[in-house]
């Protein structure tokens, strides 16, 4: 499904998903705040890669 979406649309879908998660998972608030200003897939991918690197 992601392959059929434009870069900005993918970013928007992630923001929508995080916004929904905030209702039940307060920790999703931090992720939503960080991603809210991002508009492109490259920015979000770099952010996610950084999170994965922190987890390791």
PDB file of N, CA and C in Angstrom:
ATOM      1  N   UNK A   1       0.820  -1.194   0.000  1.00  0.00           N
ATOM      2  CA  UNK A   1       0.000   0.000   0.000  1.00  0.00           C
ATOM      3  C   UNK A   1       0.859   1.252   0.000  1.00  0.00           C
ATOM      4  N   UNK A   2       1.938   1.271   0.752  1.00  0.00           N
ATOM      5  CA  UNK A   2       2.793   2.462   0.816  1.00  0.00           C
ATOM      6  C   UNK A   2       3.396   2.807  -0.533  1.00  0.00           C
ATOM      7  N   UNK A   3       3.607   1.827  -1.364  1.00  0.00           N
ATOM      8  CA  UNK A   3       4.221   2.091  -2.655  1.00  0.00           C
ATOM      9  C   UNK A   3       3.298   2.884  -3.570  1.00  0.00           C
ATOM     10  N   UNK A   4       2.006   2.826  -3.336  1.00  0.00           N
ATOM     11  CA  UNK A   4       1.050   3.545  -4.184  1.00  0.00           C
ATOM     12  C   UNK A   4       0.829   4.973  -3.720  1.00  0.00           C
ATOM     13  N   UNK A   5       1.366   5.338  -2.574  1.00  0.00           N
ATOM     14  CA  UNK A   5       1.149   6.676  -2.027  1.00  0.00           C
ATOM     15  C   UNK A   5       2.338   7.581  -2.320  1.00  0.00           C
ATOM     16  N   UNK A   6       2.052   8.861  -2.464  1.00  0.00           N
ATOM     17  CA  UNK A   6       3.110   9.856  -2.606  1.00  0.00           C
ATOM     18  C   UNK A   6       3.813  10.020  -1.262  1.00  0.00           C
ATOM     19  N   UNK A   7       5.001  10.600  -1.294  1.00  0.00           N
ATOM     20  CA  UNK A   7       5.798  10.776  -0.075  1.00  0.00           C
ATOM     21  C   UNK A   7       5.030  11.532   1.010  1.00  0.00           C
ATOM     22  N   UNK A   8       4.412  12.627   0.644  1.00  0.00           N
ATOM     23  CA  UNK A   8       3.650  13.411   1.616  1.00  0.00           C
ATOM     24  C   UNK A   8       2.452  12.670   2.163  1.00  0.00           C
ATOM     25  N   UNK A   9       1.849  11.837   1.330  1.00  0.00           N
ATOM     26  CA  UNK A   9       0.704  11.057   1.778  1.00  0.00           C
ATOM     27  C   UNK A   9       1.132  10.017   2.809  1.00  0.00           C
ATOM     28  N   UNK A  10       2.307   9.406   2.594  1.00  0.00           N
ATOM     29  CA  UNK A  10       2.812   8.435   3.564  1.00  0.00           C
ATOM     30  C   UNK A  10       3.076   9.107   4.902  1.00  0.00           C
ATOM     31  N   UNK A  11       3.644  10.302   4.845  1.00  0.00           N
ATOM     32  CA  UNK A  11       3.895  11.049   6.080  1.00  0.00           C
ATOM     33  C   UNK A  11       2.581  11.341   6.791  1.00  0.00           C
ATOM     34  N   UNK A  12       1.584  11.726   6.037  1.00  0.00           N
ATOM     35  CA  UNK A  12       0.269  12.013   6.617  1.00  0.00           C
ATOM     36  C   UNK A  12      -0.368  10.795   7.253  1.00  0.00           C
ATOM     37  N   UNK A  13      -0.228   9.642   6.613  1.00  0.00           N
ATOM     38  CA  UNK A  13      -0.795   8.413   7.176  1.00  0.00           C
ATOM     39  C   UNK A  13      -0.142   8.072   8.500  1.00  0.00           C
ATOM     40  N   UNK A  14       1.186   8.243   8.575  1.00  0.00           N
ATOM     41  CA  UNK A  14       1.894   7.966   9.829  1.00  0.00           C
ATOM     42  C   UNK A  14       1.411   8.909  10.927  1.00  0.00           C
ATOM     43  N   UNK A  15       1.237  10.177  10.583  1.00  0.00           N
ATOM     44  CA  UNK A  15       0.765  11.152  11.574  1.00  0.00           C
ATOM     45  C   UNK A  15      -0.638  10.798  12.055  1.00  0.00           C
ATOM     46  N   UNK A  16      -1.503  10.370  11.147  1.00  0.00           N
ATOM     47  CA  UNK A  16      -2.850   9.960  11.544  1.00  0.00           C
ATOM     48  C   UNK A  16      -2.795   8.769  12.497  1.00  0.00           C
ATOM     49  N   UNK A  17      -1.962   7.806  12.178  1.00  0.00           N
ATOM     50  CA  UNK A  17      -1.826   6.611  12.995  1.00  0.00           C
ATOM     51  C   UNK A  17      -1.320   6.967  14.390  1.00  0.00           C
ATOM     52  N   UNK A  18      -0.284   7.821  14.442  1.00  0.00           N
ATOM     53  CA  UNK A  18       0.245   8.230  15.749  1.00  0.00           C
ATOM     54  C   UNK A  18      -0.797   9.017  16.532  1.00  0.00           C
ATOM     55  N   UNK A  19      -1.555   9.837  15.844  1.00  0.00           N
ATOM     56  CA  UNK A  19      -2.599  10.607  16.518  1.00  0.00           C
ATOM     57  C   UNK A  19      -3.629   9.681  17.152  1.00  0.00           C
ATOM     58  N   UNK A  20      -4.009   8.628  16.444  1.00  0.00           N
ATOM     59  CA  UNK A  20      -4.952   7.657  17.007  1.00  0.00           C
ATOM     60  C   UNK A  20      -4.343   6.908  18.186  1.00  0.00           C
ATOM     61  N   UNK A  21      -3.061   6.558  18.082  1.00  0.00           N
ATOM     62  CA  UNK A  21      -2.394   5.848  19.176  1.00  0.00           C
ATOM     63  C   UNK A  21      -2.328   6.686  20.451  1.00  0.00           C
ATOM     64  N   UNK A  22      -2.272   8.002  20.307  1.00  0.00           N
ATOM     65  CA  UNK A  22      -2.163   8.878  21.484  1.00  0.00           C
ATOM     66  C   UNK A  22      -3.332   8.706  22.440  1.00  0.00           C
ATOM     67  N   UNK A  23      -4.454   8.296  21.924  1.00  0.00           N
ATOM     68  CA  UNK A  23      -5.644   8.158  22.769  1.00  0.00           C
ATOM     69  C   UNK A  23      -5.476   7.082  23.841  1.00  0.00           C
ATOM     70  N   UNK A  24      -4.779   6.013  23.509  1.00  0.00           N
ATOM     71  CA  UNK A  24      -4.608   4.903  24.455  1.00  0.00           C
ATOM     72  C   UNK A  24      -3.186   4.732  24.947  1.00  0.00           C
ATOM     73  N   UNK A  25      -2.242   5.295  24.239  1.00  0.00           N
ATOM     74  CA  UNK A  25      -0.829   5.123  24.580  1.00  0.00           C
ATOM     75  C   UNK A  25      -0.168   6.493  24.717  1.00  0.00           C
ATOM     76  N   UNK A  26      -0.061   6.995  25.929  1.00  0.00           N
ATOM     77  CA  UNK A  26       0.493   8.341  26.142  1.00  0.00           C
ATOM     78  C   UNK A  26       1.900   8.513  25.567  1.00  0.00           C
ATOM     79  N   UNK A  27       2.680   7.445  25.481  1.00  0.00           N
ATOM     80  CA  UNK A  27       4.038   7.571  24.947  1.00  0.00           C
ATOM     81  C   UNK A  27       4.027   7.911  23.454  1.00  0.00           C
ATOM     82  N   UNK A  28       2.929   7.660  22.774  1.00  0.00           N
ATOM     83  CA  UNK A  28       2.817   8.013  21.359  1.00  0.00           C
ATOM     84  C   UNK A  28       2.771   9.531  21.170  1.00  0.00           C
ATOM     85  N   UNK A  29       2.442  10.262  22.223  1.00  0.00           N
ATOM     86  CA  UNK A  29       2.411  11.723  22.155  1.00  0.00           C
ATOM     87  C   UNK A  29       3.788  12.274  21.768  1.00  0.00           C
ATOM     88  N   UNK A  30       4.841  11.748  22.369  1.00  0.00           N
ATOM     89  CA  UNK A  30       6.197  12.222  22.060  1.00  0.00           C
ATOM     90  C   UNK A  30       6.536  11.992  20.596  1.00  0.00           C
ATOM     91  N   UNK A  31       6.210  10.823  20.091  1.00  0.00           N
ATOM     92  CA  UNK A  31       6.487  10.518  18.683  1.00  0.00           C
ATOM     93  C   UNK A  31       5.678  11.436  17.772  1.00  0.00           C
ATOM     94  N   UNK A  32       4.425  11.664  18.107  1.00  0.00           N
ATOM     95  CA  UNK A  32       3.579  12.525  17.292  1.00  0.00           C
ATOM     96  C   UNK A  32       4.135  13.946  17.240  1.00  0.00           C
ATOM     97  N   UNK A  33       4.572  14.453  18.370  1.00  0.00           N
ATOM     98  CA  UNK A  33       5.128  15.813  18.424  1.00  0.00           C
ATOM     99  C   UNK A  33       6.382  15.907  17.557  1.00  0.00           C
ATOM    100  N   UNK A  34       7.210  14.887  17.581  1.00  0.00           N
ATOM    101  CA  UNK A  34       8.437  14.906  16.784  1.00  0.00           C
ATOM    102  C   UNK A  34       8.146  14.820  15.289  1.00  0.00           C
ATOM    103  N   UNK A  35       7.154  14.055  14.898  1.00  0.00           N
ATOM    104  CA  UNK A  35       6.850  13.829  13.491  1.00  0.00           C
ATOM    105  C   UNK A  35       5.938  14.905  12.910  1.00  0.00           C
ATOM    106  N   UNK A  36       5.215  15.593  13.741  1.00  0.00           N
ATOM    107  CA  UNK A  36       4.185  16.531  13.292  1.00  0.00           C
ATOM    108  C   UNK A  36       4.688  17.523  12.249  1.00  0.00           C
ATOM    109  N   UNK A  37       5.880  18.050  12.407  1.00  0.00           N
ATOM    110  CA  UNK A  37       6.394  19.056  11.472  1.00  0.00           C
ATOM    111  C   UNK A  37       7.067  18.498  10.235  1.00  0.00           C
ATOM    112  N   UNK A  38       7.226  17.191  10.165  1.00  0.00           N
ATOM    113  CA  UNK A  38       7.893  16.574   9.013  1.00  0.00           C
ATOM    114  C   UNK A  38       6.908  16.418   7.860  1.00  0.00           C
ATOM    115  N   UNK A  39       7.408  16.648   6.650  1.00  0.00           N
ATOM    116  CA  UNK A  39       6.508  16.572   5.496  1.00  0.00           C
ATOM    117  C   UNK A  39       6.924  15.529   4.469  1.00  0.00           C
ATOM    118  N   UNK A  40       8.140  15.042   4.546  1.00  0.00           N
ATOM    119  CA  UNK A  40       8.598  14.105   3.526  1.00  0.00           C
ATOM    120  C   UNK A  40       8.988  12.759   4.095  1.00  0.00           C
ATOM    121  N   UNK A  41       8.949  11.777   3.220  1.00  0.00           N
ATOM    122  CA  UNK A  41       9.284  10.419   3.621  1.00  0.00           C
ATOM    123  C   UNK A  41      10.742  10.313   4.061  1.00  0.00           C
ATOM    124  N   UNK A  42      11.633  11.060   3.415  1.00  0.00           N
ATOM    125  CA  UNK A  42      13.055  10.992   3.769  1.00  0.00           C
ATOM    126  C   UNK A  42      13.283  11.455   5.207  1.00  0.00           C
ATOM    127  N   UNK A  43      12.603  12.518   5.614  1.00  0.00           N
ATOM    128  CA  UNK A  43      12.730  13.020   6.988  1.00  0.00           C
ATOM    129  C   UNK A  43      12.239  11.977   7.985  1.00  0.00           C
ATOM    130  N   UNK A  44      11.108  11.393   7.703  1.00  0.00           N
ATOM    131  CA  UNK A  44      10.520  10.425   8.618  1.00  0.00           C
ATOM    132  C   UNK A  44      11.359   9.154   8.666  1.00  0.00           C
ATOM    133  N   UNK A  45      11.881   8.725   7.521  1.00  0.00           N
ATOM    134  CA  UNK A  45      12.741   7.541   7.496  1.00  0.00           C
ATOM    135  C   UNK A  45      13.996   7.769   8.325  1.00  0.00           C
ATOM    136  N   UNK A  46      14.586   8.964   8.214  1.00  0.00           N
ATOM    137  CA  UNK A  46      15.776   9.277   9.009  1.00  0.00           C
ATOM    138  C   UNK A  46      15.441   9.276  10.494  1.00  0.00           C
ATOM    139  N   UNK A  47      14.280   9.803  10.853  1.00  0.00           N
ATOM    140  CA  UNK A  47      13.840   9.826  12.251  1.00  0.00           C
ATOM    141  C   UNK A  47      13.659   8.397  12.772  1.00  0.00           C
ATOM    142  N   UNK A  48      13.028   7.555  11.960  1.00  0.00           N
ATOM    143  CA  UNK A  48      12.806   6.169  12.379  1.00  0.00           C
ATOM    144  C   UNK A  48      14.118   5.411  12.490  1.00  0.00           C
ATOM    145  N   UNK A  49      15.045   5.635  11.553  1.00  0.00           N
ATOM    146  CA  UNK A  49      16.360   4.999  11.615  1.00  0.00           C
ATOM    147  C   UNK A  49      17.097   5.396  12.885  1.00  0.00           C
ATOM    148  N   UNK A  50      16.973   6.667  13.274  1.00  0.00           N
ATOM    149  CA  UNK A  50      17.613   7.135  14.504  1.00  0.00           C
ATOM    150  C   UNK A  50      17.003   6.446  15.717  1.00  0.00           C
ATOM    151  N   UNK A  51      15.693   6.252  15.720  1.00  0.00           N
ATOM    152  CA  UNK A  51      15.038   5.552  16.828  1.00  0.00           C
ATOM    153  C   UNK A  51      15.502   4.108  16.927  1.00  0.00           C
ATOM    154  N   UNK A  52      15.624   3.466  15.796  1.00  0.00           N
ATOM    155  CA  UNK A  52      16.072   2.077  15.780  1.00  0.00           C
ATOM    156  C   UNK A  52      17.500   1.973  16.293  1.00  0.00           C
ATOM    157  N   UNK A  53      18.334   2.929  15.902  1.00  0.00           N
ATOM    158  CA  UNK A  53      19.727   2.930  16.363  1.00  0.00           C
ATOM    159  C   UNK A  53      19.807   3.113  17.878  1.00  0.00           C
ATOM    160  N   UNK A  54      18.931   3.916  18.442  1.00  0.00           N
ATOM    161  CA  UNK A  54      18.901   4.132  19.883  1.00  0.00           C
ATOM    162  C   UNK A  54      18.495   2.851  20.605  1.00  0.00           C
ATOM    163  N   UNK A  55      17.576   2.102  20.035  1.00  0.00           N
ATOM    164  CA  UNK A  55      17.078   0.864  20.646  1.00  0.00           C
ATOM    165  C   UNK A  55      18.154  -0.223  20.691  1.00  0.00           C
ATOM    166  N   UNK A  56      19.092  -0.182  19.773  1.00  0.00           N
ATOM    167  CA  UNK A  56      20.111  -1.239  19.699  1.00  0.00           C
ATOM    168  C   UNK A  56      21.161  -1.010  20.697  1.00  0.00           C
TER     169      UNK A  56
END
